Amino acid sequence: METLMLNGSWKLESSDGEIRCEASVPGCDYTDLISSGLLKEPYENTNEKDSLWVYEKDWRYSRTFSVSAELLSAKRIELVCEMLD
């Protein structure tokens, strides 16, 4: 069985396409937006009110990766995502 780890660099994008940034997996939209300078730390001062827009949007993580021809020719391929929310 071949295992391909997909941790690391990803892209985060709001479903409306308005916001895009680099992302890390494992991680979350809030930490990725903070790391990219698009969001202030929600737990400082009154920043929580200013971060409500994150909750109101849908988010999409994406990443391009390569797999071997052997894997693609398999009768069955499983994609297992642990602790996905």
PDB file of N, CA and C in Angstrom:
ATOM      1  N   MET A   1       0.837  -1.169   0.000  1.00  0.00           N
ATOM      2  CA  MET A   1       0.000   0.000   0.000  1.00  0.00           C
ATOM      3  C   MET A   1       0.890   1.243   0.000  1.00  0.00           C
ATOM      4  N   GLU A   2       0.559   2.183  -0.844  1.00  0.00           N
ATOM      5  CA  GLU A   2       1.285   3.444  -0.939  1.00  0.00           C
ATOM      6  C   GLU A   2       0.584   4.492  -0.098  1.00  0.00           C
ATOM      7  N   THR A   3       1.365   5.258   0.658  1.00  0.00           N
ATOM      8  CA  THR A   3       0.814   6.335   1.468  1.00  0.00           C
ATOM      9  C   THR A   3       1.424   7.647   1.018  1.00  0.00           C
ATOM     10  N   LEU A   4       0.584   8.625   0.798  1.00  0.00           N
ATOM     11  CA  LEU A   4       1.028   9.949   0.401  1.00  0.00           C
ATOM     12  C   LEU A   4       0.541  10.933   1.456  1.00  0.00           C
ATOM     13  N   MET A   5       1.468  11.532   2.186  1.00  0.00           N
ATOM     14  CA  MET A   5       1.102  12.503   3.216  1.00  0.00           C
ATOM     15  C   MET A   5       0.826  13.846   2.533  1.00  0.00           C
ATOM     16  N   LEU A   6      -0.278  14.474   2.893  1.00  0.00           N
ATOM     17  CA  LEU A   6      -0.666  15.744   2.283  1.00  0.00           C
ATOM     18  C   LEU A   6      -0.551  16.915   3.253  1.00  0.00           C
ATOM     19  N   ASN A   7       0.167  16.721   4.364  1.00  0.00           N
ATOM     20  CA  ASN A   7       0.424  17.822   5.293  1.00  0.00           C
ATOM     21  C   ASN A   7       1.298  18.846   4.584  1.00  0.00           C
ATOM     22  N   GLY A   8       1.247  20.079   5.045  1.00  0.00           N
ATOM     23  CA  GLY A   8       2.151  21.093   4.508  1.00  0.00           C
ATOM     24  C   GLY A   8       1.434  22.249   3.859  1.00  0.00           C
ATOM     25  N   SER A   9       1.992  22.734   2.760  1.00  0.00           N
ATOM     26  CA  SER A   9       1.497  23.945   2.092  1.00  0.00           C
ATOM     27  C   SER A   9       0.241  23.687   1.274  1.00  0.00           C
ATOM     28  N   TRP A  10      -0.757  24.494   1.518  1.00  0.00           N
ATOM     29  CA  TRP A  10      -2.029  24.459   0.808  1.00  0.00           C
ATOM     30  C   TRP A  10      -2.413  25.883   0.447  1.00  0.00           C
ATOM     31  N   LYS A  11      -3.503  26.046  -0.244  1.00  0.00           N
ATOM     32  CA  LYS A  11      -4.098  27.353  -0.538  1.00  0.00           C
ATOM     33  C   LYS A  11      -5.447  27.408   0.164  1.00  0.00           C
ATOM     34  N   LEU A  12      -5.766  28.563   0.719  1.00  0.00           N
ATOM     35  CA  LEU A  12      -7.069  28.793   1.343  1.00  0.00           C
ATOM     36  C   LEU A  12      -7.769  29.872   0.542  1.00  0.00           C
ATOM     37  N   GLU A  13      -9.040  29.636   0.224  1.00  0.00           N
ATOM     38  CA  GLU A  13      -9.808  30.606  -0.554  1.00  0.00           C
ATOM     39  C   GLU A  13     -11.239  30.626  -0.052  1.00  0.00           C
ATOM     40  N   SER A  14     -11.792  31.833   0.041  1.00  0.00           N
ATOM     41  CA  SER A  14     -13.209  31.937   0.387  1.00  0.00           C
ATOM     42  C   SER A  14     -14.010  31.451  -0.810  1.00  0.00           C
ATOM     43  N   SER A  15     -15.159  30.860  -0.557  1.00  0.00           N
ATOM     44  CA  SER A  15     -15.946  30.262  -1.643  1.00  0.00           C
ATOM     45  C   SER A  15     -16.411  31.303  -2.660  1.00  0.00           C
ATOM     46  N   ASP A  16     -16.458  32.579  -2.262  1.00  0.00           N
ATOM     47  CA  ASP A  16     -16.827  33.629  -3.213  1.00  0.00           C
ATOM     48  C   ASP A  16     -15.612  34.142  -3.995  1.00  0.00           C
ATOM     49  N   GLY A  17     -14.419  33.620  -3.687  1.00  0.00           N
ATOM     50  CA  GLY A  17     -13.201  33.984  -4.399  1.00  0.00           C
ATOM     51  C   GLY A  17     -12.610  35.328  -4.023  1.00  0.00           C
ATOM     52  N   GLU A  18     -13.173  35.991  -3.042  1.00  0.00           N
ATOM     53  CA  GLU A  18     -12.702  37.324  -2.660  1.00  0.00           C
ATOM     54  C   GLU A  18     -11.394  37.297  -1.872  1.00  0.00           C
ATOM     55  N   ILE A  19     -11.151  36.227  -1.137  1.00  0.00           N
ATOM     56  CA  ILE A  19      -9.991  36.175  -0.250  1.00  0.00           C
ATOM     57  C   ILE A  19      -9.199  34.909  -0.541  1.00  0.00           C
ATOM     58  N   ARG A  20      -7.878  35.081  -0.703  1.00  0.00           N
ATOM     59  CA  ARG A  20      -6.982  33.949  -0.948  1.00  0.00           C
ATOM     60  C   ARG A  20      -5.709  34.148  -0.137  1.00  0.00           C
ATOM     61  N   CYS A  21      -5.171  33.040   0.373  1.00  0.00           N
ATOM     62  CA  CYS A  21      -3.902  33.127   1.081  1.00  0.00           C
ATOM     63  C   CYS A  21      -3.255  31.748   1.155  1.00  0.00           C
ATOM     64  N   GLU A  22      -2.003  31.742   1.571  1.00  0.00           N
ATOM     65  CA  GLU A  22      -1.288  30.494   1.823  1.00  0.00           C
ATOM     66  C   GLU A  22      -1.860  29.865   3.091  1.00  0.00           C
ATOM     67  N   ALA A  23      -1.833  28.551   3.146  1.00  0.00           N
ATOM     68  CA  ALA A  23      -2.387  27.847   4.305  1.00  0.00           C
ATOM     69  C   ALA A  23      -1.490  26.673   4.677  1.00  0.00           C
ATOM     70  N   SER A  24      -1.650  26.211   5.907  1.00  0.00           N
ATOM     71  CA  SER A  24      -0.921  25.042   6.403  1.00  0.00           C
ATOM     72  C   SER A  24      -1.910  23.997   6.869  1.00  0.00           C
ATOM     73  N   VAL A  25      -1.610  22.760   6.549  1.00  0.00           N
ATOM     74  CA  VAL A  25      -2.421  21.639   7.018  1.00  0.00           C
ATOM     75  C   VAL A  25      -1.496  20.699   7.767  1.00  0.00           C
ATOM     76  N   PRO A  26      -1.794  20.331   9.021  1.00  0.00           N
ATOM     77  CA  PRO A  26      -3.008  20.698   9.738  1.00  0.00           C
ATOM     78  C   PRO A  26      -2.995  22.175  10.136  1.00  0.00           C
ATOM     79  N   GLY A  27      -4.188  22.713  10.289  1.00  0.00           N
ATOM     80  CA  GLY A  27      -4.351  24.111  10.662  1.00  0.00           C
ATOM     81  C   GLY A  27      -5.811  24.484  10.592  1.00  0.00           C
ATOM     82  N   CYS A  28      -6.091  25.781  10.562  1.00  0.00           N
ATOM     83  CA  CYS A  28      -7.471  26.231  10.443  1.00  0.00           C
ATOM     84  C   CYS A  28      -7.513  27.566   9.734  1.00  0.00           C
ATOM     85  N   ASP A  29      -8.680  27.927   9.260  1.00  0.00           N
ATOM     86  CA  ASP A  29      -8.831  29.163   8.501  1.00  0.00           C
ATOM     87  C   ASP A  29      -8.398  30.383   9.309  1.00  0.00           C
ATOM     88  N   TYR A  30      -8.737  30.445  10.579  1.00  0.00           N
ATOM     89  CA  TYR A  30      -8.369  31.598  11.391  1.00  0.00           C
ATOM     90  C   TYR A  30      -6.849  31.749  11.485  1.00  0.00           C
ATOM     91  N   THR A  31      -6.140  30.689  11.809  1.00  0.00           N
ATOM     92  CA  THR A  31      -4.684  30.798  11.935  1.00  0.00           C
ATOM     93  C   THR A  31      -4.035  31.122  10.590  1.00  0.00           C
ATOM     94  N   ASP A  32      -4.567  30.593   9.503  1.00  0.00           N
ATOM     95  CA  ASP A  32      -4.005  30.895   8.186  1.00  0.00           C
ATOM     96  C   ASP A  32      -4.242  32.351   7.815  1.00  0.00           C
ATOM     97  N   LEU A  33      -5.417  32.885   8.119  1.00  0.00           N
ATOM     98  CA  LEU A  33      -5.713  34.289   7.835  1.00  0.00           C
ATOM     99  C   LEU A  33      -4.873  35.224   8.700  1.00  0.00           C
ATOM    100  N   ILE A  34      -4.655  34.844   9.958  1.00  0.00           N
ATOM    101  CA  ILE A  34      -3.799  35.634  10.847  1.00  0.00           C
ATOM    102  C   ILE A  34      -2.368  35.625  10.332  1.00  0.00           C
ATOM    103  N   SER A  35      -1.854  34.454   9.977  1.00  0.00           N
ATOM    104  CA  SER A  35      -0.478  34.337   9.470  1.00  0.00           C
ATOM    105  C   SER A  35      -0.265  35.136   8.194  1.00  0.00           C
ATOM    106  N   SER A  36      -1.312  35.269   7.400  1.00  0.00           N
ATOM    107  CA  SER A  36      -1.215  36.005   6.138  1.00  0.00           C
ATOM    108  C   SER A  36      -1.453  37.503   6.312  1.00  0.00           C
ATOM    109  N   GLY A  37      -1.741  37.941   7.531  1.00  0.00           N
ATOM    110  CA  GLY A  37      -1.961  39.353   7.784  1.00  0.00           C
ATOM    111  C   GLY A  37      -3.342  39.845   7.372  1.00  0.00           C
ATOM    112  N   LEU A  38      -4.261  38.921   7.096  1.00  0.00           N
ATOM    113  CA  LEU A  38      -5.607  39.295   6.677  1.00  0.00           C
ATOM    114  C   LEU A  38      -6.584  39.410   7.846  1.00  0.00           C
ATOM    115  N   LEU A  39      -6.132  39.006   9.019  1.00  0.00           N
ATOM    116  CA  LEU A  39      -6.989  39.007  10.198  1.00  0.00           C
ATOM    117  C   LEU A  39      -6.137  39.294  11.422  1.00  0.00           C
ATOM    118  N   LYS A  40      -6.653  40.153  12.301  1.00  0.00           N
ATOM    119  CA  LYS A  40      -5.981  40.401  13.575  1.00  0.00           C
ATOM    120  C   LYS A  40      -6.357  39.282  14.544  1.00  0.00           C
ATOM    121  N   GLU A  41      -5.502  39.035  15.509  1.00  0.00           N
ATOM    122  CA  GLU A  41      -5.744  38.009  16.523  1.00  0.00           C
ATOM    123  C   GLU A  41      -7.091  38.270  17.197  1.00  0.00           C
ATOM    124  N   PRO A  42      -8.076  37.359  17.031  1.00  0.00           N
ATOM    125  CA  PRO A  42      -9.424  37.586  17.554  1.00  0.00           C
ATOM    126  C   PRO A  42      -9.501  37.706  19.077  1.00  0.00           C
ATOM    127  N   TYR A  43      -8.533  37.150  19.789  1.00  0.00           N
ATOM    128  CA  TYR A  43      -8.603  37.160  21.254  1.00  0.00           C
ATOM    129  C   TYR A  43      -7.904  38.360  21.872  1.00  0.00           C
ATOM    130  N   GLU A  44      -7.450  39.294  21.052  1.00  0.00           N
ATOM    131  CA  GLU A  44      -6.837  40.514  21.577  1.00  0.00           C
ATOM    132  C   GLU A  44      -7.841  41.658  21.520  1.00  0.00           C
ATOM    133  N   ASN A  45      -7.911  42.415  22.599  1.00  0.00           N
ATOM    134  CA  ASN A  45      -8.776  43.602  22.682  1.00  0.00           C
ATOM    135  C   ASN A  45     -10.192  43.285  22.202  1.00  0.00           C
ATOM    136  N   THR A  46     -10.712  44.073  21.285  1.00  0.00           N
ATOM    137  CA  THR A  46     -12.070  43.852  20.767  1.00  0.00           C
ATOM    138  C   THR A  46     -12.048  43.298  19.339  1.00  0.00           C
ATOM    139  N   ASN A  47     -10.958  42.651  18.972  1.00  0.00           N
ATOM    140  CA  ASN A  47     -10.810  42.121  17.607  1.00  0.00           C
ATOM    141  C   ASN A  47     -11.826  41.031  17.281  1.00  0.00           C
ATOM    142  N   GLU A  48     -12.410  40.411  18.288  1.00  0.00           N
ATOM    143  CA  GLU A  48     -13.367  39.334  18.018  1.00  0.00           C
ATOM    144  C   GLU A  48     -14.524  39.823  17.160  1.00  0.00           C
ATOM    145  N   LYS A  49     -15.021  41.021  17.438  1.00  0.00           N
ATOM    146  CA  LYS A  49     -16.123  41.574  16.633  1.00  0.00           C
ATOM    147  C   LYS A  49     -15.703  41.768  15.185  1.00  0.00           C
ATOM    148  N   ASP A  50     -14.455  42.173  14.980  1.00  0.00           N
ATOM    149  CA  ASP A  50     -13.955  42.423  13.628  1.00  0.00           C
ATOM    150  C   ASP A  50     -13.641  41.141  12.863  1.00  0.00           C
ATOM    151  N   SER A  51     -13.680  39.997  13.531  1.00  0.00           N
ATOM    152  CA  SER A  51     -13.359  38.733  12.863  1.00  0.00           C
ATOM    153  C   SER A  51     -14.599  37.895  12.539  1.00  0.00           C
ATOM    154  N   LEU A  52     -15.782  38.413  12.811  1.00  0.00           N
ATOM    155  CA  LEU A  52     -17.013  37.658  12.564  1.00  0.00           C
ATOM    156  C   LEU A  52     -17.212  37.309  11.097  1.00  0.00           C
ATOM    157  N   TRP A  53     -16.644  38.093  10.183  1.00  0.00           N
ATOM    158  CA  TRP A  53     -16.798  37.833   8.751  1.00  0.00           C
ATOM    159  C   TRP A  53     -16.217  36.478   8.359  1.00  0.00           C
ATOM    160  N   VAL A  54     -15.223  36.002   9.109  1.00  0.00           N
ATOM    161  CA  VAL A  54     -14.617  34.697   8.795  1.00  0.00           C
ATOM    162  C   VAL A  54     -15.657  33.598   8.966  1.00  0.00           C
ATOM    163  N   TYR A  55     -16.424  33.680  10.028  1.00  0.00           N
ATOM    164  CA  TYR A  55     -17.463  32.691  10.320  1.00  0.00           C
ATOM    165  C   TYR A  55     -18.576  32.727   9.278  1.00  0.00           C
ATOM    166  N   GLU A  56     -18.821  33.890   8.710  1.00  0.00           N
ATOM    167  CA  GLU A  56     -19.927  34.050   7.769  1.00  0.00           C
ATOM    168  C   GLU A  56     -19.608  33.560   6.359  1.00  0.00           C
ATOM    169  N   LYS A  57     -18.366  33.257   6.093  1.00  0.00           N
ATOM    170  CA  LYS A  57     -17.962  32.779   4.762  1.00  0.00           C
ATOM    171  C   LYS A  57     -17.719  31.273   4.788  1.00  0.00           C
ATOM    172  N   ASP A  58     -17.844  30.659   3.621  1.00  0.00           N
ATOM    173  CA  ASP A  58     -17.434  29.271   3.446  1.00  0.00           C
ATOM    174  C   ASP A  58     -16.017  29.290   2.898  1.00  0.00           C
ATOM    175  N   TRP A  59     -15.221  28.310   3.298  1.00  0.00           N
ATOM    176  CA  TRP A  59     -13.805  28.282   2.939  1.00  0.00           C
ATOM    177  C   TRP A  59     -13.447  26.983   2.230  1.00  0.00           C
ATOM    178  N   ARG A  60     -12.481  27.076   1.338  1.00  0.00           N
ATOM    179  CA  ARG A  60     -12.040  25.915   0.552  1.00  0.00           C
ATOM    180  C   ARG A  60     -10.508  25.830   0.618  1.00  0.00           C
ATOM    181  N   TYR A  61     -10.031  24.659   0.989  1.00  0.00           N
ATOM    182  CA  TYR A  61      -8.596  24.377   0.962  1.00  0.00           C
ATOM    183  C   TYR A  61      -8.293  23.599  -0.309  1.00  0.00           C
ATOM    184  N   SER A  62      -7.171  23.909  -0.955  1.00  0.00           N
ATOM    185  CA  SER A  62      -6.797  23.173  -2.167  1.00  0.00           C
ATOM    186  C   SER A  62      -5.286  22.969  -2.209  1.00  0.00           C
ATOM    187  N   ARG A  63      -4.910  21.933  -2.937  1.00  0.00           N
ATOM    188  CA  ARG A  63      -3.496  21.606  -3.101  1.00  0.00           C
ATOM    189  C   ARG A  63      -3.347  20.720  -4.320  1.00  0.00           C
ATOM    190  N   THR A  64      -2.289  20.930  -5.058  1.00  0.00           N
ATOM    191  CA  THR A  64      -1.967  20.072  -6.197  1.00  0.00           C
ATOM    192  C   THR A  64      -0.876  19.099  -5.756  1.00  0.00           C
ATOM    193  N   PHE A  65      -1.022  17.851  -6.143  1.00  0.00           N
ATOM    194  CA  PHE A  65       0.002  16.863  -5.810  1.00  0.00           C
ATOM    195  C   PHE A  65       0.062  15.813  -6.912  1.00  0.00           C
ATOM    196  N   SER A  66       1.154  15.102  -6.966  1.00  0.00           N
ATOM    197  CA  SER A  66       1.357  14.069  -7.983  1.00  0.00           C
ATOM    198  C   SER A  66       1.287  12.693  -7.344  1.00  0.00           C
ATOM    199  N   VAL A  67       0.782  11.753  -8.102  1.00  0.00           N
ATOM    200  CA  VAL A  67       0.763  10.357  -7.660  1.00  0.00           C
ATOM    201  C   VAL A  67       1.382   9.501  -8.749  1.00  0.00           C
ATOM    202  N   SER A  68       1.807   8.339  -8.364  1.00  0.00           N
ATOM    203  CA  SER A  68       2.466   7.443  -9.315  1.00  0.00           C
ATOM    204  C   SER A  68       1.451   6.796 -10.256  1.00  0.00           C
ATOM    205  N   ALA A  69       1.929   6.365 -11.395  1.00  0.00           N
ATOM    206  CA  ALA A  69       1.074   5.647 -12.354  1.00  0.00           C
ATOM    207  C   ALA A  69       0.563   4.357 -11.731  1.00  0.00           C
ATOM    208  N   GLU A  70       1.385   3.743 -10.903  1.00  0.00           N
ATOM    209  CA  GLU A  70       0.984   2.508 -10.222  1.00  0.00           C
ATOM    210  C   GLU A  70      -0.237   2.752  -9.329  1.00  0.00           C
ATOM    211  N   LEU A  71      -0.209   3.847  -8.595  1.00  0.00           N
ATOM    212  CA  LEU A  71      -1.345   4.172  -7.734  1.00  0.00           C
ATOM    213  C   LEU A  71      -2.598   4.441  -8.564  1.00  0.00           C
ATOM    214  N   LEU A  72      -2.455   5.182  -9.641  1.00  0.00           N
ATOM    215  CA  LEU A  72      -3.609   5.500 -10.486  1.00  0.00           C
ATOM    216  C   LEU A  72      -4.209   4.266 -11.153  1.00  0.00           C
ATOM    217  N   SER A  73      -3.410   3.229 -11.336  1.00  0.00           N
ATOM    218  CA  SER A  73      -3.916   2.010 -11.974  1.00  0.00           C
ATOM    219  C   SER A  73      -4.538   1.035 -10.976  1.00  0.00           C
ATOM    220  N   ALA A  74      -4.508   1.382  -9.704  1.00  0.00           N
ATOM    221  CA  ALA A  74      -5.071   0.504  -8.681  1.00  0.00           C
ATOM    222  C   ALA A  74      -6.585   0.359  -8.858  1.00  0.00           C
ATOM    223  N   LYS A  75      -7.094  -0.791  -8.478  1.00  0.00           N
ATOM    224  CA  LYS A  75      -8.535  -1.027  -8.554  1.00  0.00           C
ATOM    225  C   LYS A  75      -9.287  -0.149  -7.559  1.00  0.00           C
ATOM    226  N   ARG A  76      -8.637   0.166  -6.481  1.00  0.00           N
ATOM    227  CA  ARG A  76      -9.286   0.944  -5.431  1.00  0.00           C
ATOM    228  C   ARG A  76      -8.282   1.927  -4.837  1.00  0.00           C
ATOM    229  N   ILE A  77      -8.712   3.176  -4.688  1.00  0.00           N
ATOM    230  CA  ILE A  77      -7.895   4.213  -4.069  1.00  0.00           C
ATOM    231  C   ILE A  77      -8.717   4.829  -2.944  1.00  0.00           C
ATOM    232  N   GLU A  78      -8.136   4.923  -1.777  1.00  0.00           N
ATOM    233  CA  GLU A  78      -8.818   5.524  -0.638  1.00  0.00           C
ATOM    234  C   GLU A  78      -8.137   6.828  -0.262  1.00  0.00           C
ATOM    235  N   LEU A  79      -8.936   7.854  -0.036  1.00  0.00           N
ATOM    236  CA  LEU A  79      -8.462   9.114   0.490  1.00  0.00           C
ATOM    237  C   LEU A  79      -8.980   9.202   1.925  1.00  0.00           C
ATOM    238  N   VAL A  80      -8.066   9.189   2.876  1.00  0.00           N
ATOM    239  CA  VAL A  80      -8.433   9.214   4.288  1.00  0.00           C
ATOM    240  C   VAL A  80      -8.036  10.568   4.859  1.00  0.00           C
ATOM    241  N   CYS A  81      -8.998  11.281   5.400  1.00  0.00           N
ATOM    242  CA  CYS A  81      -8.746  12.583   6.028  1.00  0.00           C
ATOM    243  C   CYS A  81      -9.091  12.461   7.497  1.00  0.00           C
ATOM    244  N   GLU A  82      -8.082  12.507   8.337  1.00  0.00           N
ATOM    245  CA  GLU A  82      -8.313  12.395   9.772  1.00  0.00           C
ATOM    246  C   GLU A  82      -8.521  13.765  10.381  1.00  0.00           C
ATOM    247  N   MET A  83      -9.446  13.849  11.306  1.00  0.00           N
ATOM    248  CA  MET A  83      -9.751  15.050  12.077  1.00  0.00           C
ATOM    249  C   MET A  83     -10.146  16.223  11.174  1.00  0.00           C
ATOM    250  N   LEU A  84     -10.862  15.938  10.125  1.00  0.00           N
ATOM    251  CA  LEU A  84     -11.342  16.979   9.208  1.00  0.00           C
ATOM    252  C   LEU A  84     -12.627  17.550   9.742  1.00  0.00           C
ATOM    253  N   ASP A  85     -12.709  18.875   9.792  1.00  0.00           N
ATOM    254  CA  ASP A  85     -13.908  19.525  10.313  1.00  0.00           C
ATOM    255  C   ASP A  85     -14.536  20.361   9.209  1.00  0.00           C
TER     256      ASP A  85
END
